[in-house]
Amino acid sequence: MLHENLLLILGLLFAVFLLVMLGQKLRISYPIFLVLGGLVMGFVPGLPRIAIEPDLIFLIFLPPLLYEAAWNTSWRDFWRWRRPIGLLAFGLVLFTSVIVAYVSRAMIPGFTLALGFLLGGIISPPDAVAAASVLKGIKVPKRVMAILGGESLLNDASSLIVFRFALAAVLSGSFVWQDAALSFAVTSSMGLVVGVGVAYVFYLIHKYLPTTPSINTALTLMAPYVMYLLAEEFHFSGVLAVVSGGLLMSFFSHAVFDASTRLQANGVWASLSFVLNGLVFILIGLQLPVAVEGLGNYSLQEAIVYGLIISFMVIVIRLLWMYPAAFVPRWWSYTIRTNEVSPGWQGPLVLGWAGMRGVVSLAAALSVPLLANGQPFPQRNLILFITFVVILVTLVFQGLTLPALIRFTKLDELDEPVPPEEQEAGVRLRLRKAAVAHLKQQYADETSRNRLISRLQQRMENEIQLTSQTLESIEIDETQREALHQYHRVLLDILRVQREELFVMRRHNVFEDEVLRQQEAQLDLDEAKVLHIEQPE
């Protein structure tokens, strides 16, 4: 049994990799292609049905994905756009949940209000990974991406709290608004406290214990699970614990991690995030046949109609919410009108159309228990089926049409930020100047006596001159900018030649493999530096 499960997981991973590569060739966003591929695979005769334990779905997928999202969130952008993020992450989630609850109760026979809120909590949060994948390579205002990222970070928590209370109402058979509001406040605030507390403990471990890059990387993998499990043990919000802890650790990471740890951890987390997201998206398609088989008293046609109506409803709700959320605060506040450029009609439309559902909705739907008080959970398979339809419709339909919508609206950058290449050059210039000033103040005698240190100072002064010229080329002369790009292309070609020479040396057994690997690692760093400058996005 263990061998069969392991082979099944490996087969799924291989299918994910193949579908992602095929999607890249066809220029289709990989979440969309994985869902469609999983859907096709789910109906292939002879393939085993994949059943996921409901209690494990949150634990396996959510903590690391939320932690990674929190880690990569820009504090500056998050705080700058906190008002629209809050209106979407809390206001829109609650608004969507309420409307879905009452409409589904009125439309679906046997559907209670508690089940409606359960469904609303499941399908209310959009998925940032899907949106970012669809928008990759498309020129989108930074404000739009910042709001989408911040919204997805918080709406996961708010929607899952709605989900938790609705689930408790279904299991207990009662729901009291006052008790729910108080519990919501306690659950949320204590989840934040637990997350910050655990993050501080891990901060102390990283800072004061003699850890290695491998240990530090392993600790970053442990942290989200510890935060989530500890919060859930006391019936607090594990999602908010992971989000708050991830934000705090990200803020202090520069103080506790050295270069080796950052390089190692970034690679590990990029691979882990890709694998987990890929598995979840392909599972969306694979689980649909399972839900179809368990519809019970509902025909497939009825279930499809319910799913399409609710899918259309959540799309319309989000679009209707966007314009009041964008413009009502501007009408009320002179400060907002003065300090923020108007998003126009295009910004809210693109934000509204980017509300694709994904990972969290699937995880929440699959985590609905099989039994309630010893009996089959009411309408579980219908809830699963409607969730899958909503994910499919929003992800495939909205995902495939979003790039065309952006081109149609001709949405330009709203806030006129400093160009990324100019920011990159400005940061490098300040770093080099700080280094040269420190050398002159602290190591003046060593510089005069030590030829190596003198050359180091001279190299940094040359880099200051080159970076200053880079800034001038950005601001003034497009010809000089092209010269800089040509310089980088030559550097990349030189690195390619050096790699080929390393291969020749390895083949001829002239030097030890360990020495060659060290030099190859240095070439990797040099190439990554050039590519980062050339492609800052």
Protein backbone atom coordinates (compact mmCIF):
# COMPACT_ATOMS: atom_id res chain seq x y z
CA MET A 1 0.00 0.00 0.00
CA LEU A 2 2.82 2.39 0.90
CA HIS A 3 4.63 1.63 -2.35
CA GLU A 4 1.45 2.19 -4.35
CA ASN A 5 0.82 5.57 -2.71
CA LEU A 6 4.43 6.61 -3.28
CA LEU A 7 4.26 5.62 -6.94
CA LEU A 8 0.98 7.52 -7.27
CA ILE A 9 2.52 10.70 -5.80
CA LEU A 10 5.57 10.39 -8.06
CA GLY A 11 3.33 9.83 -11.07
CA LEU A 12 1.29 12.94 -10.19
CA LEU A 13 4.45 15.01 -9.85
CA PHE A 14 5.71 13.80 -13.22
CA ALA A 15 2.33 14.66 -14.76
CA VAL A 16 2.54 18.13 -13.19
CA PHE A 17 5.98 18.72 -14.70
CA LEU A 18 4.91 17.54 -18.16
CA LEU A 19 1.74 19.65 -18.13
CA VAL A 20 3.62 22.75 -16.95
CA MET A 21 6.18 22.36 -19.75
CA LEU A 22 3.41 21.81 -22.30
CA GLY A 23 1.53 24.83 -20.99
CA GLN A 24 4.66 26.96 -21.41
CA LYS A 25 4.97 25.83 -25.03
CA LEU A 26 1.32 26.69 -25.67
CA ARG A 27 1.62 29.95 -23.68
CA ILE A 28 -1.17 28.94 -21.29
CA SER A 29 -0.88 29.75 -17.59
CA TYR A 30 0.15 26.60 -15.72
CA PRO A 31 -2.69 26.62 -13.11
CA ILE A 32 -5.25 26.66 -15.94
CA PHE A 33 -3.46 23.91 -17.84
CA LEU A 34 -3.03 21.74 -14.72
CA VAL A 35 -6.72 21.97 -13.85
CA LEU A 36 -7.74 21.01 -17.38
CA GLY A 37 -5.14 18.24 -17.49
CA GLY A 38 -6.30 16.85 -14.16
CA LEU A 39 -9.91 16.97 -15.35
CA VAL A 40 -9.04 14.91 -18.43
CA MET A 41 -6.96 12.46 -16.39
CA GLY A 42 -9.80 12.03 -13.90
CA PHE A 43 -12.07 10.56 -16.58
CA VAL A 44 -9.43 8.22 -18.08
CA PRO A 45 -10.59 4.61 -17.50
CA GLY A 46 -8.31 2.51 -15.32
CA LEU A 47 -6.59 5.36 -13.48
CA PRO A 48 -7.00 5.07 -9.69
CA ARG A 49 -9.35 7.44 -7.90
CA ILE A 50 -7.40 9.76 -5.59
CA ALA A 51 -9.05 10.24 -2.20
CA ILE A 52 -7.54 12.80 0.18
CA GLU A 53 -8.08 12.63 3.93
CA PRO A 54 -10.07 15.79 4.79
CA ASP A 55 -8.21 16.40 8.05
CA LEU A 56 -4.83 16.44 6.29
CA ILE A 57 -5.53 18.77 3.36
CA PHE A 58 -5.17 21.98 5.39
CA LEU A 59 -2.12 20.71 7.25
CA ILE A 60 -0.19 19.53 4.19
CA PHE A 61 -0.73 22.41 1.79
CA LEU A 62 -1.83 25.58 3.55
CA PRO A 63 0.90 26.37 6.12
CA PRO A 64 3.88 26.40 3.71
CA LEU A 65 1.97 28.17 0.92
CA LEU A 66 0.70 30.90 3.26
CA TYR A 67 4.11 31.27 4.89
CA GLU A 68 5.83 31.68 1.53
CA ALA A 69 3.24 34.25 0.42
CA ALA A 70 3.68 36.22 3.66
CA TRP A 71 7.47 36.01 3.37
CA ASN A 72 7.45 37.52 -0.11
CA THR A 73 4.95 40.27 0.68
CA SER A 74 6.24 43.83 0.46
CA TRP A 75 5.64 45.56 3.79
CA ARG A 76 5.82 48.93 2.07
CA ASP A 77 3.19 48.09 -0.55
CA PHE A 78 1.05 46.21 1.95
CA TRP A 79 0.86 49.22 4.27
CA ARG A 80 0.45 51.73 1.45
CA TRP A 81 -2.58 49.94 0.01
CA ARG A 82 -4.00 48.70 3.32
CA ARG A 83 -7.39 50.36 2.70
CA PRO A 84 -8.28 48.61 -0.58
CA ILE A 85 -6.67 45.40 0.67
CA GLY A 86 -8.82 45.47 3.81
CA LEU A 87 -12.00 46.28 1.90
CA LEU A 88 -11.41 43.29 -0.38
CA ALA A 89 -9.98 40.83 2.13
CA PHE A 90 -12.64 41.37 4.81
CA GLY A 91 -15.50 43.39 3.35
CA LEU A 92 -15.82 41.54 0.05
CA VAL A 93 -15.35 38.11 1.66
CA LEU A 94 -18.16 38.72 4.14
CA PHE A 95 -20.36 40.33 1.47
CA THR A 96 -19.84 37.38 -0.88
CA SER A 97 -20.44 34.83 1.88
CA VAL A 98 -23.73 36.45 2.92
CA ILE A 99 -25.13 36.68 -0.62
CA VAL A 100 -24.02 33.13 -1.51
CA ALA A 101 -25.56 31.83 1.72
CA TYR A 102 -29.02 33.32 1.15
CA VAL A 103 -29.13 32.67 -2.60
CA SER A 104 -28.02 29.03 -2.26
CA ARG A 105 -30.56 28.42 0.51
CA ALA A 106 -33.34 29.83 -1.66
CA MET A 107 -32.19 28.05 -4.83
CA ILE A 108 -31.05 24.58 -3.70
CA PRO A 109 -33.60 22.24 -2.08
CA GLY A 110 -32.46 21.04 1.35
CA PHE A 111 -29.76 23.68 1.66
CA THR A 112 -29.70 25.39 5.07
CA LEU A 113 -28.35 28.85 5.83
CA ALA A 114 -25.39 27.31 7.67
CA LEU A 115 -24.52 25.24 4.60
CA GLY A 116 -24.84 28.40 2.51
CA PHE A 117 -22.32 30.22 4.68
CA LEU A 118 -20.09 27.16 4.52
CA LEU A 119 -20.17 27.30 0.72
CA GLY A 120 -19.70 31.09 0.77
CA GLY A 121 -16.63 30.81 2.99
CA ILE A 122 -15.17 28.18 0.67
CA ILE A 123 -15.57 30.04 -2.63
CA SER A 124 -15.06 33.66 -1.52
CA PRO A 125 -11.22 33.95 -1.54
CA PRO A 126 -9.41 34.51 -4.88
CA ASP A 127 -6.06 32.87 -5.52
CA ALA A 128 -2.98 35.05 -5.97
CA VAL A 129 -0.86 32.27 -7.48
CA ALA A 130 -3.33 31.80 -10.33
CA ALA A 131 -3.55 35.56 -10.96
CA ALA A 132 0.24 36.03 -10.84
CA SER A 133 0.75 33.12 -13.24
CA VAL A 134 -1.83 34.47 -15.69
CA LEU A 135 -0.36 37.98 -15.52
CA LYS A 136 3.27 36.84 -15.90
CA GLY A 137 4.87 38.64 -18.81
CA ILE A 138 2.00 41.15 -19.07
CA LYS A 139 2.57 44.79 -18.17
CA VAL A 140 0.31 45.36 -15.15
CA PRO A 141 0.43 48.34 -12.77
CA LYS A 142 2.31 47.61 -9.56
CA ARG A 143 -0.67 48.90 -7.58
CA VAL A 144 -2.86 46.14 -9.03
CA MET A 145 -0.36 43.39 -8.22
CA ALA A 146 0.25 44.73 -4.71
CA ILE A 147 -3.47 44.83 -3.93
CA LEU A 148 -4.02 41.33 -5.35
CA GLY A 149 -1.15 39.92 -3.29
CA GLY A 150 -2.19 41.64 -0.07
CA GLU A 151 -5.83 40.68 -0.58
CA SER A 152 -5.02 37.00 -1.06
CA LEU A 153 -2.84 37.01 2.05
CA LEU A 154 -5.66 38.22 4.30
CA ASN A 155 -8.78 36.91 2.59
CA ASP A 156 -7.59 33.35 3.13
CA ALA A 157 -7.79 34.00 6.85
CA SER A 158 -11.15 35.79 6.80
CA SER A 159 -12.82 33.25 4.51
CA LEU A 160 -11.55 30.30 6.52
CA ILE A 161 -12.85 31.85 9.73
CA VAL A 162 -16.28 32.15 8.08
CA PHE A 163 -15.85 28.54 6.97
CA ARG A 164 -14.97 27.41 10.49
CA PHE A 165 -17.98 29.07 12.11
CA ALA A 166 -20.36 27.79 9.44
CA LEU A 167 -18.97 24.28 9.85
CA ALA A 168 -19.48 24.49 13.61
CA ALA A 169 -23.06 25.66 13.02
CA VAL A 170 -23.75 22.68 10.74
CA LEU A 171 -22.32 20.25 13.27
CA SER A 172 -24.05 21.78 16.30
CA GLY A 173 -27.29 22.73 14.58
CA SER A 174 -27.30 26.28 16.01
CA PHE A 175 -25.78 29.64 15.14
CA VAL A 176 -25.78 32.75 17.34
CA TRP A 177 -24.49 35.95 15.71
CA GLN A 178 -23.28 37.52 18.98
CA ASP A 179 -21.31 34.44 19.98
CA ALA A 180 -19.89 34.15 16.48
CA ALA A 181 -18.73 37.80 16.46
CA LEU A 182 -17.02 37.43 19.84
CA SER A 183 -15.43 34.15 18.82
CA PHE A 184 -14.27 35.74 15.55
CA ALA A 185 -12.48 38.51 17.46
CA VAL A 186 -10.84 36.11 19.91
CA THR A 187 -9.87 33.59 17.25
CA SER A 188 -8.33 36.24 15.00
CA SER A 189 -6.47 38.22 17.66
CA MET A 190 -5.08 35.18 19.44
CA GLY A 191 -4.05 33.67 16.12
CA LEU A 192 -1.98 36.80 15.50
CA VAL A 193 -0.47 36.55 19.00
CA VAL A 194 0.48 32.90 18.55
CA GLY A 195 2.05 33.58 15.15
CA VAL A 196 4.12 36.52 16.42
CA GLY A 197 5.16 34.57 19.53
CA VAL A 198 6.32 31.51 17.62
CA ALA A 199 8.09 33.68 15.05
CA TYR A 200 9.99 35.44 17.84
CA VAL A 201 11.12 32.07 19.25
CA PHE A 202 12.41 31.04 15.81
CA TYR A 203 14.08 34.45 15.47
CA LEU A 204 15.99 33.83 18.72
CA ILE A 205 17.00 30.35 17.54
CA HIS A 206 18.32 31.69 14.23
CA LYS A 207 20.11 34.61 15.87
CA TYR A 208 21.76 33.09 18.95
CA LEU A 209 22.24 29.36 18.32
CA PRO A 210 25.15 28.06 16.19
CA THR A 211 22.99 27.06 13.23
CA THR A 212 24.20 26.24 9.74
CA PRO A 213 22.58 27.18 6.40
CA SER A 214 21.06 23.70 6.19
CA ILE A 215 19.65 23.93 9.71
CA ASN A 216 18.31 27.42 9.08
CA THR A 217 16.59 26.26 5.90
CA ALA A 218 15.07 23.28 7.70
CA LEU A 219 13.85 25.59 10.48
CA THR A 220 12.08 27.81 7.93
CA LEU A 221 10.24 24.69 6.74
CA MET A 222 9.28 23.78 10.30
CA ALA A 223 8.11 27.25 11.34
CA PRO A 224 4.76 27.44 9.45
CA TYR A 225 3.70 24.01 10.69
CA VAL A 226 4.56 24.87 14.30
CA MET A 227 2.64 28.15 14.04
CA TYR A 228 -0.38 26.48 12.47
CA LEU A 229 -0.53 23.46 14.79
CA LEU A 230 -0.01 25.46 17.97
CA ALA A 231 -2.75 27.94 17.07
CA GLU A 232 -5.18 25.20 16.03
CA GLU A 233 -4.45 23.26 19.23
CA PHE A 234 -6.00 26.14 21.19
CA HIS A 235 -8.78 26.63 18.58
CA PHE A 236 -7.34 29.90 17.31
CA SER A 237 -6.82 30.87 13.67
CA GLY A 238 -3.90 28.83 12.35
CA VAL A 239 -4.04 30.76 9.08
CA LEU A 240 -3.56 34.15 10.77
CA ALA A 241 -0.82 32.65 12.93
CA VAL A 242 1.11 31.57 9.83
CA VAL A 243 0.52 34.88 8.04
CA SER A 244 1.56 37.07 10.98
CA GLY A 245 4.54 34.86 11.81
CA GLY A 246 5.67 34.82 8.18
CA LEU A 247 5.47 38.61 7.92
CA LEU A 248 7.52 39.04 11.11
CA MET A 249 10.18 36.52 10.08
CA SER A 250 10.42 38.16 6.67
CA PHE A 251 10.95 41.55 8.31
CA PHE A 252 13.82 40.28 10.49
CA SER A 253 15.36 37.86 8.00
CA HIS A 254 18.14 40.27 7.02
CA ALA A 255 19.33 40.31 10.63
CA VAL A 256 19.51 36.53 11.17
CA PHE A 257 20.30 34.94 7.80
CA ASP A 258 23.64 35.08 6.02
CA ALA A 259 24.14 34.88 2.27
CA SER A 260 24.52 31.08 2.21
CA THR A 261 21.26 30.58 4.10
CA ARG A 262 19.35 32.97 1.84
CA LEU A 263 20.63 31.31 -1.34
CA GLN A 264 19.83 27.83 -0.06
CA ALA A 265 16.45 28.69 1.47
CA ASN A 266 15.27 30.63 -1.58
CA GLY A 267 15.96 27.66 -3.84
CA VAL A 268 14.27 25.18 -1.51
CA TRP A 269 11.19 27.34 -1.02
CA ALA A 270 10.80 28.12 -4.72
CA SER A 271 10.79 24.40 -5.53
CA LEU A 272 8.49 23.49 -2.63
CA SER A 273 5.97 26.20 -3.52
CA PHE A 274 5.92 25.13 -7.16
CA VAL A 275 5.39 21.46 -6.27
CA LEU A 276 2.62 22.13 -3.74
CA ASN A 277 0.77 24.55 -6.02
CA GLY A 278 1.12 22.17 -8.94
CA LEU A 279 -0.27 19.24 -6.95
CA VAL A 280 -3.23 21.28 -5.71
CA PHE A 281 -4.19 22.54 -9.17
CA ILE A 282 -4.02 19.08 -10.74
CA LEU A 283 -6.03 17.69 -7.80
CA ILE A 284 -8.78 20.18 -8.60
CA GLY A 285 -9.35 18.43 -11.91
CA LEU A 286 -8.83 14.93 -10.53
CA GLN A 287 -11.38 15.35 -7.74
CA LEU A 288 -14.26 16.40 -10.02
CA PRO A 289 -15.19 12.84 -11.12
CA VAL A 290 -15.23 11.79 -7.46
CA ALA A 291 -17.68 14.59 -6.63
CA VAL A 292 -19.87 13.70 -9.65
CA GLU A 293 -20.20 10.11 -8.46
CA GLY A 294 -21.41 11.22 -5.03
CA LEU A 295 -24.07 13.78 -5.99
CA GLY A 296 -26.79 11.52 -4.60
CA ASN A 297 -30.27 13.00 -5.00
CA TYR A 298 -29.09 15.71 -7.40
CA SER A 299 -28.69 15.04 -11.09
CA LEU A 300 -25.52 16.10 -12.86
CA GLN A 301 -27.51 18.63 -14.88
CA GLU A 302 -28.95 20.22 -11.73
CA ALA A 303 -25.53 20.39 -10.08
CA ILE A 304 -23.98 22.01 -13.17
CA VAL A 305 -26.75 24.63 -13.25
CA TYR A 306 -26.24 25.40 -9.54
CA GLY A 307 -22.48 25.66 -10.07
CA LEU A 308 -22.75 27.94 -13.10
CA ILE A 309 -25.28 30.25 -11.40
CA ILE A 310 -23.10 30.59 -8.30
CA SER A 311 -19.98 31.07 -10.46
CA PHE A 312 -21.69 33.88 -12.37
CA MET A 313 -22.87 35.33 -9.07
CA VAL A 314 -19.40 35.50 -7.43
CA ILE A 315 -17.96 37.13 -10.57
CA VAL A 316 -20.71 39.78 -10.61
CA ILE A 317 -20.48 40.36 -6.85
CA ARG A 318 -16.77 41.09 -7.10
CA LEU A 319 -17.21 43.45 -10.04
CA LEU A 320 -20.03 45.31 -8.30
CA TRP A 321 -17.97 45.64 -5.12
CA MET A 322 -14.88 47.04 -6.84
CA TYR A 323 -16.20 50.44 -7.92
CA PRO A 324 -17.76 51.57 -4.60
CA ALA A 325 -14.65 50.26 -2.79
CA ALA A 326 -12.42 52.28 -5.13
CA PHE A 327 -14.37 55.55 -5.37
CA VAL A 328 -16.50 56.02 -2.23
CA PRO A 329 -13.43 56.59 0.00
CA ARG A 330 -12.18 59.11 -2.58
CA TRP A 331 -15.47 61.01 -2.42
CA TRP A 332 -15.35 61.13 1.37
CA SER A 333 -11.68 61.98 1.89
CA TYR A 334 -9.84 64.95 0.46
CA THR A 335 -6.55 63.37 1.65
CA ILE A 336 -7.12 60.26 -0.47
CA ARG A 337 -8.01 62.35 -3.52
CA THR A 338 -4.84 64.39 -3.03
CA ASN A 339 -2.37 61.58 -2.29
CA GLU A 340 -3.63 58.81 -4.57
CA VAL A 341 -3.96 58.83 -8.33
CA SER A 342 -7.45 57.81 -9.42
CA PRO A 343 -7.58 54.17 -10.61
CA GLY A 344 -9.97 55.17 -13.40
CA TRP A 345 -12.50 52.67 -14.67
CA GLN A 346 -9.81 50.27 -15.87
CA GLY A 347 -8.12 49.51 -12.53
CA PRO A 348 -11.22 48.25 -10.66
CA LEU A 349 -12.33 46.29 -13.75
CA VAL A 350 -9.01 44.42 -14.00
CA LEU A 351 -8.91 43.82 -10.24
CA GLY A 352 -12.47 42.56 -10.35
CA TRP A 353 -11.80 40.21 -13.25
CA ALA A 354 -8.68 38.82 -11.56
CA GLY A 355 -10.72 37.11 -8.84
CA MET A 356 -9.83 33.54 -9.84
CA ARG A 357 -10.40 30.85 -7.24
CA GLY A 358 -7.86 28.15 -6.53
CA VAL A 359 -5.82 26.54 -3.78
CA VAL A 360 -7.61 27.70 -0.63
CA SER A 361 -11.07 27.01 -2.03
CA LEU A 362 -10.09 23.46 -2.96
CA ALA A 363 -8.40 22.84 0.39
CA ALA A 364 -11.44 24.13 2.29
CA ALA A 365 -13.89 22.06 0.21
CA LEU A 366 -11.87 18.87 0.62
CA SER A 367 -11.52 19.46 4.37
CA VAL A 368 -15.29 19.26 4.93
CA PRO A 369 -15.65 16.13 7.11
CA LEU A 370 -17.23 12.98 5.74
CA LEU A 371 -19.43 12.56 8.80
CA ALA A 372 -21.47 14.94 10.97
CA ASN A 373 -22.69 13.50 14.28
CA GLY A 374 -22.27 9.97 12.95
CA GLN A 375 -24.24 10.67 9.77
CA PRO A 376 -22.98 11.57 6.27
CA PHE A 377 -22.24 15.29 6.14
CA PRO A 378 -25.24 16.97 4.52
CA GLN A 379 -24.73 18.04 0.89
CA ARG A 380 -20.96 17.46 1.10
CA ASN A 381 -20.55 16.20 -2.47
CA LEU A 382 -22.78 18.93 -3.87
CA ILE A 383 -20.66 21.54 -2.06
CA LEU A 384 -17.53 19.91 -3.50
CA PHE A 385 -19.01 19.88 -6.99
CA ILE A 386 -20.13 23.52 -6.87
CA THR A 387 -16.69 24.52 -5.57
CA PHE A 388 -14.99 22.71 -8.45
CA VAL A 389 -17.30 24.37 -10.97
CA VAL A 390 -16.58 27.82 -9.48
CA ILE A 391 -12.83 27.14 -9.60
CA LEU A 392 -13.01 25.87 -13.18
CA VAL A 393 -15.16 28.74 -14.44
CA THR A 394 -13.21 31.52 -12.72
CA LEU A 395 -9.78 30.01 -13.36
CA VAL A 396 -10.26 28.93 -16.97
CA PHE A 397 -12.75 31.53 -18.25
CA GLN A 398 -11.46 34.56 -16.38
CA GLY A 399 -7.84 33.38 -16.56
CA LEU A 400 -7.86 32.97 -20.33
CA THR A 401 -9.67 36.28 -20.95
CA LEU A 402 -7.80 38.43 -18.41
CA PRO A 403 -4.80 39.20 -20.69
CA ALA A 404 -7.15 40.26 -23.48
CA LEU A 405 -9.09 42.46 -21.04
CA ILE A 406 -5.88 44.20 -19.95
CA ARG A 407 -4.95 44.87 -23.57
CA PHE A 408 -8.47 46.14 -24.30
CA THR A 409 -8.51 48.55 -21.35
CA LYS A 410 -4.98 49.78 -22.17
CA LEU A 411 -4.27 49.86 -18.44
CA ASP A 412 -1.10 51.84 -17.81
CA GLU A 413 0.98 52.33 -14.68
CA LEU A 414 -1.12 54.40 -12.30
CA ASP A 415 1.39 55.87 -9.87
CA GLU A 416 4.41 56.73 -12.06
CA PRO A 417 6.96 54.79 -9.97
CA VAL A 418 10.68 55.11 -10.48
CA PRO A 419 11.69 52.61 -13.23
CA PRO A 420 13.03 49.34 -11.77
CA GLU A 421 16.37 49.62 -13.53
CA GLU A 422 16.84 53.11 -12.09
CA GLN A 423 16.02 51.83 -8.60
CA GLU A 424 18.47 48.94 -9.04
CA ALA A 425 21.24 51.31 -10.08
CA GLY A 426 20.42 53.71 -7.25
CA VAL A 427 20.63 50.94 -4.65
CA ARG A 428 23.95 49.69 -6.04
CA LEU A 429 25.35 53.23 -6.05
CA ARG A 430 24.47 53.82 -2.39
CA LEU A 431 25.89 50.44 -1.36
CA ARG A 432 29.19 51.10 -3.15
CA LYS A 433 29.49 54.61 -1.67
CA ALA A 434 28.82 53.26 1.84
CA ALA A 435 31.50 50.60 1.33
CA VAL A 436 34.12 53.07 0.06
CA ALA A 437 33.37 55.51 2.89
CA HIS A 438 33.78 52.70 5.43
CA LEU A 439 37.10 51.66 3.90
CA LYS A 440 38.43 55.23 4.06
CA GLN A 441 37.30 55.75 7.67
CA GLN A 442 38.18 52.39 9.22
CA TYR A 443 40.92 50.94 7.02
CA ALA A 444 42.94 53.92 5.76
CA ASP A 445 46.28 52.52 7.02
CA GLU A 446 45.56 49.01 5.77
CA THR A 447 44.60 50.40 2.36
CA SER A 448 47.91 52.25 2.02
CA ARG A 449 49.98 49.18 3.04
CA ASN A 450 47.96 46.29 1.61
CA ARG A 451 47.80 46.07 -2.17
CA LEU A 452 44.76 43.75 -2.11
CA ILE A 453 42.68 46.17 -0.01
CA SER A 454 43.84 49.06 -2.18
CA ARG A 455 42.67 47.22 -5.28
CA LEU A 456 39.34 46.48 -3.56
CA GLN A 457 38.80 50.18 -2.93
CA GLN A 458 39.81 51.04 -6.49
CA ARG A 459 37.39 48.41 -7.87
CA MET A 460 34.52 49.82 -5.82
CA GLU A 461 35.31 53.36 -6.93
CA ASN A 462 35.25 52.15 -10.54
CA GLU A 463 31.90 50.48 -9.88
CA ILE A 464 30.58 53.77 -8.47
CA GLN A 465 31.60 55.52 -11.67
CA LEU A 466 30.02 52.78 -13.82
CA THR A 467 26.78 52.84 -11.79
CA SER A 468 26.62 56.63 -12.03
CA GLN A 469 26.91 56.30 -15.79
CA THR A 470 24.13 53.70 -15.68
CA LEU A 471 21.85 56.17 -13.90
CA GLU A 472 22.71 58.83 -16.47
CA SER A 473 21.91 56.43 -19.30
CA ILE A 474 18.57 55.63 -17.68
CA GLU A 475 17.64 59.24 -17.24
CA ILE A 476 19.14 60.76 -20.41
CA ASP A 477 20.59 58.69 -23.23
CA GLU A 478 18.89 55.64 -24.72
CA THR A 479 22.05 54.92 -26.74
CA GLN A 480 24.08 54.51 -23.57
CA ARG A 481 21.39 52.24 -22.16
CA GLU A 482 21.74 50.00 -25.20
CA ALA A 483 25.50 49.98 -24.64
CA LEU A 484 24.91 48.76 -21.10
CA HIS A 485 22.65 45.97 -22.37
CA GLN A 486 25.35 45.02 -24.89
CA TYR A 487 27.89 44.94 -22.04
CA HIS A 488 25.67 42.51 -20.13
CA ARG A 489 25.19 40.31 -23.20
CA VAL A 490 28.96 40.09 -23.61
CA LEU A 491 29.32 39.17 -19.94
CA LEU A 492 26.77 36.36 -20.35
CA ASP A 493 28.59 35.06 -23.41
CA ILE A 494 31.91 35.11 -21.52
CA LEU A 495 30.29 33.15 -18.68
CA ARG A 496 29.04 30.61 -21.23
CA VAL A 497 32.58 30.15 -22.57
CA GLN A 498 33.92 29.72 -19.04
CA ARG A 499 31.31 27.03 -18.34
CA GLU A 500 32.39 25.16 -21.47
CA GLU A 501 36.00 25.35 -20.33
CA LEU A 502 35.00 23.96 -16.92
CA PHE A 503 33.34 21.04 -18.70
CA VAL A 504 36.54 20.38 -20.65
CA MET A 505 38.58 20.43 -17.43
CA ARG A 506 36.16 18.03 -15.77
CA ARG A 507 36.33 15.67 -18.75
CA HIS A 508 40.13 15.67 -18.79
CA ASN A 509 40.42 15.12 -15.00
CA VAL A 510 42.91 17.95 -14.63
CA PHE A 511 41.53 19.34 -11.37
CA GLU A 512 39.54 17.94 -8.44
CA ASP A 513 35.75 17.92 -8.82
CA GLU A 514 35.25 19.87 -5.59
CA VAL A 515 37.36 22.76 -6.90
CA LEU A 516 35.50 22.74 -10.20
CA ARG A 517 32.12 22.76 -8.42
CA GLN A 518 33.17 25.79 -6.37
CA GLN A 519 34.14 27.68 -9.50
CA GLU A 520 30.89 26.65 -11.20
CA ALA A 521 28.92 27.98 -8.21
CA GLN A 522 30.74 31.31 -8.56
CA LEU A 523 29.84 31.44 -12.25
CA ASP A 524 26.21 30.75 -11.30
CA LEU A 525 26.24 33.71 -8.91
CA ASP A 526 27.83 35.98 -11.53
CA GLU A 527 25.25 34.97 -14.12
CA ALA A 528 22.35 35.39 -11.69
CA LYS A 529 23.60 38.89 -10.88
CA VAL A 530 23.65 39.90 -14.56
CA LEU A 531 20.25 38.35 -15.28
CA HIS A 532 18.75 40.10 -12.26
CA ILE A 533 19.97 43.47 -13.53
CA GLU A 534 18.76 42.79 -17.07
CA GLN A 535 15.36 41.41 -15.97
CA PRO A 536 14.44 43.17 -12.69
CA GLU A 537 10.80 42.09 -12.97
